[in-house]
Protein backbone atom coordinates (compact mmCIF):
# COMPACT_ATOMS: atom_id res chain seq x y z
CA UNK A 1 82.93 -12.49 -18.04
CA UNK A 2 82.26 -11.25 -21.56
CA UNK A 3 78.81 -12.14 -22.84
CA UNK A 4 78.86 -14.34 -25.94
CA UNK A 5 76.14 -14.98 -28.52
CA UNK A 6 76.29 -18.74 -27.88
CA UNK A 7 75.67 -18.10 -24.17
CA UNK A 8 72.64 -15.96 -24.99
CA UNK A 9 71.14 -18.64 -27.25
CA UNK A 10 71.76 -21.45 -24.76
CA UNK A 11 70.16 -19.43 -21.97
CA UNK A 12 67.20 -18.56 -24.20
CA UNK A 13 66.59 -22.25 -24.93
CA UNK A 14 66.76 -23.09 -21.22
CA UNK A 15 64.38 -20.26 -20.42
CA UNK A 16 62.07 -21.45 -23.20
CA UNK A 17 61.82 -24.83 -21.50
CA UNK A 18 61.00 -23.14 -18.18
CA UNK A 19 58.46 -20.50 -19.20
CA UNK A 20 57.42 -21.16 -22.81
CA UNK A 21 57.61 -18.98 -25.88
CA UNK A 22 54.94 -16.46 -24.88
CA UNK A 23 56.80 -15.52 -21.70
CA UNK A 24 60.23 -15.43 -23.34
CA UNK A 25 61.03 -11.73 -23.70
CA UNK A 26 64.28 -9.90 -24.20
CA UNK A 27 63.82 -8.27 -20.80
CA UNK A 28 63.35 -11.60 -19.08
CA UNK A 29 66.32 -13.07 -20.91
CA UNK A 30 68.43 -10.11 -19.79
CA UNK A 31 67.37 -10.72 -16.19
CA UNK A 32 68.35 -14.38 -16.52
CA UNK A 33 71.79 -13.36 -17.77
CA UNK A 34 72.03 -10.51 -15.24
CA UNK A 35 72.46 -7.88 -17.93
CA UNK A 36 70.37 -5.03 -19.26
CA UNK A 37 68.15 -5.93 -22.21
CA UNK A 38 69.98 -3.29 -24.24
CA UNK A 39 73.18 -5.30 -23.83
CA UNK A 40 71.58 -8.23 -25.68
CA UNK A 41 71.09 -6.09 -28.77
CA UNK A 42 74.84 -6.00 -29.31
CA UNK A 43 74.58 -9.72 -30.10
CA UNK A 44 71.04 -10.13 -31.51
CA UNK A 45 69.26 -7.23 -33.16
CA UNK A 46 65.76 -8.21 -32.03
CA UNK A 47 63.65 -11.13 -30.87
CA UNK A 48 63.20 -12.37 -34.44
CA UNK A 49 66.95 -12.78 -34.82
CA UNK A 50 67.05 -14.49 -31.42
CA UNK A 51 64.42 -17.00 -32.56
CA UNK A 52 66.38 -17.66 -35.76
CA UNK A 53 69.48 -18.37 -33.65
CA UNK A 54 67.49 -20.66 -31.36
CA UNK A 55 66.06 -22.56 -34.35
CA UNK A 56 69.55 -22.97 -35.78
CA UNK A 57 70.83 -24.28 -32.44
CA UNK A 58 68.00 -26.81 -32.17
CA UNK A 59 69.11 -28.45 -35.43
CA UNK A 60 72.66 -29.08 -34.24
CA UNK A 61 73.65 -32.62 -35.19
CA UNK A 62 70.51 -33.40 -37.20
CA UNK A 63 72.49 -33.98 -40.38
CA UNK A 64 75.48 -35.67 -38.76
CA UNK A 65 76.29 -39.29 -39.41
CA UNK A 66 73.70 -39.83 -42.12
CA UNK A 67 72.96 -43.58 -42.06
CA UNK A 68 74.49 -45.57 -44.90
CA UNK A 69 73.05 -48.56 -46.70
CA UNK A 70 69.48 -47.23 -46.63
CA UNK A 71 67.21 -46.44 -49.55
CA UNK A 72 66.55 -42.79 -50.32
CA UNK A 73 63.05 -43.14 -48.83
CA UNK A 74 64.48 -44.55 -45.58
CA UNK A 75 67.06 -41.75 -45.43
CA UNK A 76 64.42 -39.08 -45.95
CA UNK A 77 62.25 -40.68 -43.24
CA UNK A 78 65.18 -40.77 -40.81
CA UNK A 79 65.90 -37.09 -41.38
CA UNK A 80 62.24 -36.22 -40.79
CA UNK A 81 62.33 -38.20 -37.54
CA UNK A 82 65.46 -36.32 -36.46
CA UNK A 83 63.83 -32.98 -37.13
CA UNK A 84 60.76 -33.94 -35.11
CA UNK A 85 62.92 -35.09 -32.18
CA UNK A 86 64.87 -31.82 -32.32
CA UNK A 87 61.68 -29.76 -32.12
CA UNK A 88 60.21 -31.93 -29.36
CA UNK A 89 63.39 -31.55 -27.30
CA UNK A 90 62.29 -28.04 -26.28
CA UNK A 91 59.01 -26.67 -25.04
CA UNK A 92 57.28 -24.84 -27.92
CA UNK A 93 60.15 -25.95 -30.15
CA UNK A 94 57.94 -26.19 -33.22
CA UNK A 95 56.57 -22.69 -32.64
CA UNK A 96 60.10 -21.32 -32.43
CA UNK A 97 61.13 -23.08 -35.63
CA UNK A 98 57.99 -22.28 -37.64
CA UNK A 99 58.38 -19.27 -39.88
CA UNK A 100 62.15 -18.99 -39.55
CA UNK A 101 64.29 -18.97 -42.68
CA UNK A 102 67.75 -19.56 -41.31
CA UNK A 103 70.69 -19.57 -43.72
CA UNK A 104 73.24 -20.98 -41.27
CA UNK A 105 75.25 -24.18 -41.15
CA UNK A 106 73.02 -26.55 -39.13
CA UNK A 107 69.90 -25.67 -41.09
CA UNK A 108 71.63 -25.63 -44.48
CA UNK A 109 73.38 -28.97 -43.93
CA UNK A 110 70.11 -30.59 -42.83
CA UNK A 111 68.28 -29.23 -45.89
CA UNK A 112 71.13 -30.20 -48.21
CA UNK A 113 71.17 -33.76 -46.87
CA UNK A 114 67.40 -34.11 -47.26
CA UNK A 115 67.40 -32.70 -50.80
CA UNK A 116 70.30 -35.03 -51.62
CA UNK A 117 68.27 -38.05 -50.49
CA UNK A 118 65.36 -37.01 -52.70
CA UNK A 119 67.60 -36.41 -55.71
CA UNK A 120 69.10 -39.86 -55.21
CA UNK A 121 65.53 -41.13 -55.71
CA UNK A 122 65.57 -39.68 -59.22
CA UNK A 123 63.50 -36.59 -58.43
CA UNK A 124 64.03 -33.50 -60.55
CA UNK A 125 65.56 -30.40 -58.99
CA UNK A 126 62.11 -28.83 -58.58
CA UNK A 127 60.51 -31.97 -57.13
CA UNK A 128 63.42 -32.44 -54.69
CA UNK A 129 63.27 -28.82 -53.53
CA UNK A 130 59.51 -28.71 -53.12
CA UNK A 131 59.48 -32.23 -51.68
CA UNK A 132 61.97 -31.08 -49.04
CA UNK A 133 59.72 -28.14 -48.12
CA UNK A 134 56.69 -30.44 -47.95
CA UNK A 135 58.42 -32.84 -45.57
CA UNK A 136 59.60 -30.00 -43.34
CA UNK A 137 56.13 -28.42 -43.31
CA UNK A 138 54.58 -31.76 -42.36
CA UNK A 139 57.01 -32.20 -39.46
CA UNK A 140 56.42 -28.66 -38.21
CA UNK A 141 52.64 -28.93 -38.49
CA UNK A 142 52.45 -32.30 -36.77
CA UNK A 143 54.78 -31.22 -33.98
CA UNK A 144 52.93 -27.92 -33.48
CA UNK A 145 49.73 -29.87 -32.82
CA UNK A 146 51.57 -32.45 -30.74
CA UNK A 147 53.03 -29.82 -28.43
CA UNK A 148 49.85 -27.73 -28.31
CA UNK A 149 47.69 -30.68 -27.26
CA UNK A 150 50.10 -32.13 -24.71
CA UNK A 151 49.59 -31.38 -21.04
CA UNK A 152 52.42 -29.81 -19.11
CA UNK A 153 53.90 -31.83 -16.20
CA UNK A 154 51.87 -31.22 -13.07
CA UNK A 155 49.17 -29.33 -14.98
CA UNK A 156 46.81 -32.22 -15.70
CA UNK A 157 45.70 -33.46 -19.15
CA UNK A 158 46.11 -31.10 -22.08
CA UNK A 159 43.68 -30.07 -24.76
CA UNK A 160 44.17 -33.44 -26.45
CA UNK A 161 42.56 -35.36 -23.59
CA UNK A 162 40.56 -38.19 -25.28
CA UNK A 163 37.72 -37.86 -22.79
CA UNK A 164 36.98 -34.32 -23.96
CA UNK A 165 36.61 -35.59 -27.51
CA UNK A 166 34.38 -38.50 -26.47
CA UNK A 167 32.09 -36.19 -24.51
CA UNK A 168 31.76 -33.88 -27.51
CA UNK A 169 30.74 -36.79 -29.77
CA UNK A 170 28.07 -37.89 -27.30
CA UNK A 171 26.35 -34.52 -27.66
CA UNK A 172 25.62 -34.93 -31.38
CA UNK A 173 25.26 -37.34 -34.29
CA UNK A 174 28.71 -37.91 -35.76
CA UNK A 175 28.59 -41.52 -36.97
CA UNK A 176 31.81 -41.47 -38.95
CA UNK A 177 33.81 -39.91 -36.15
CA UNK A 178 32.30 -42.39 -33.72
CA UNK A 179 33.27 -45.33 -35.91
CA UNK A 180 36.90 -44.19 -36.04
CA UNK A 181 37.13 -42.81 -32.50
CA UNK A 182 39.78 -45.24 -31.18
CA UNK A 183 42.12 -44.15 -33.96
CA UNK A 184 41.25 -40.47 -33.73
CA UNK A 185 42.24 -40.38 -30.05
CA UNK A 186 45.15 -42.80 -30.32
CA UNK A 187 47.95 -41.76 -28.01
CA UNK A 188 50.56 -43.46 -30.20
CA UNK A 189 51.80 -40.23 -31.75
CA UNK A 190 54.92 -41.91 -33.11
CA UNK A 191 52.79 -44.30 -35.16
CA UNK A 192 50.51 -41.48 -36.33
CA UNK A 193 53.51 -39.40 -37.38
CA UNK A 194 55.09 -42.25 -39.33
CA UNK A 195 51.82 -43.10 -41.04
CA UNK A 196 51.49 -39.59 -42.44
CA UNK A 197 55.17 -39.42 -43.32
CA UNK A 198 54.98 -42.68 -45.28
CA UNK A 199 51.95 -41.40 -47.20
CA UNK A 200 53.94 -38.33 -48.16
CA UNK A 201 57.02 -40.32 -49.18
CA UNK A 202 54.94 -42.75 -51.25
CA UNK A 203 53.61 -39.74 -53.12
CA UNK A 204 57.14 -38.59 -53.83
CA UNK A 205 58.05 -42.09 -55.03
CA UNK A 206 55.27 -41.76 -57.59
CA UNK A 207 56.37 -38.24 -58.59
CA UNK A 208 55.95 -37.96 -62.39
CA UNK A 209 59.02 -35.71 -62.61
CA UNK A 210 61.26 -38.49 -61.36
CA UNK A 211 63.93 -39.56 -63.82
CA UNK A 212 63.23 -43.14 -64.92
CA UNK A 213 66.11 -45.57 -64.37
CA UNK A 214 68.28 -46.07 -67.41
CA UNK A 215 67.44 -49.23 -69.32
CA UNK A 216 70.20 -51.76 -69.49
CA UNK A 217 71.55 -52.27 -72.98
CA UNK A 218 71.46 -55.91 -74.09
CA UNK A 219 73.37 -57.63 -76.86
CA UNK A 220 71.22 -58.45 -79.93
CA UNK A 221 70.13 -62.07 -80.19
CA UNK A 222 70.39 -64.26 -83.27
CA UNK A 223 66.63 -63.84 -83.80
CA UNK A 224 67.07 -60.05 -83.77
CA UNK A 225 69.73 -60.34 -86.47
CA UNK A 226 67.43 -62.47 -88.66
CA UNK A 227 64.53 -59.98 -88.28
CA UNK A 228 66.74 -57.05 -89.28
CA UNK A 229 68.12 -58.98 -92.28
CA UNK A 230 64.57 -59.85 -93.35
CA UNK A 231 63.48 -56.19 -93.19
CA UNK A 232 66.48 -55.10 -95.28
CA UNK A 233 65.86 -57.75 -97.96
CA UNK A 234 62.16 -56.86 -98.14
């Protein structure tokens, strides 16, 4: 059977889930596909191009069926949630996605939809573009930490184990950390993600470059007519 690029990318994502990004090499991918590594280079020039293709594949469907009837803030939040879910769907997904600059359909449609939501909020072209980047960077950064701190199944607790943090606080005087400890070690990552996202979106709502809504034009009242007539006669 002729090897196809889509088959290579799908196998790479499956292998990523099995062994993680550090162990994902072109040689190992070739072994998984039962081909020589050199054969892969007919379809992807190098590992960087492979990672770009994997990042593009992870975003499949993220911009589809954009919810209607929501405010621009709610639409932007929904898109950010979709991006996070897409990255969490694969082991080291955020690491794969970080640093890629893919100019392909899934990525471009997602970005276009997010920028469109921000522009519907009255943001200028610059504010919408940079606001889009800021949201994407927040999602990547949060998810990078989320995946780095999580334990792997069967491997015990990960680096984010609350007990490790509590033990460290007991060895020194950190009154402010101690006072906020329950929140610092909260396992409700969904709530933590949404809290930060809402802070970001509230900042964009207050963006000074936003176009103010047009004022409704009202018909002059009788009192307005009298004031204008008085000014003319004076």
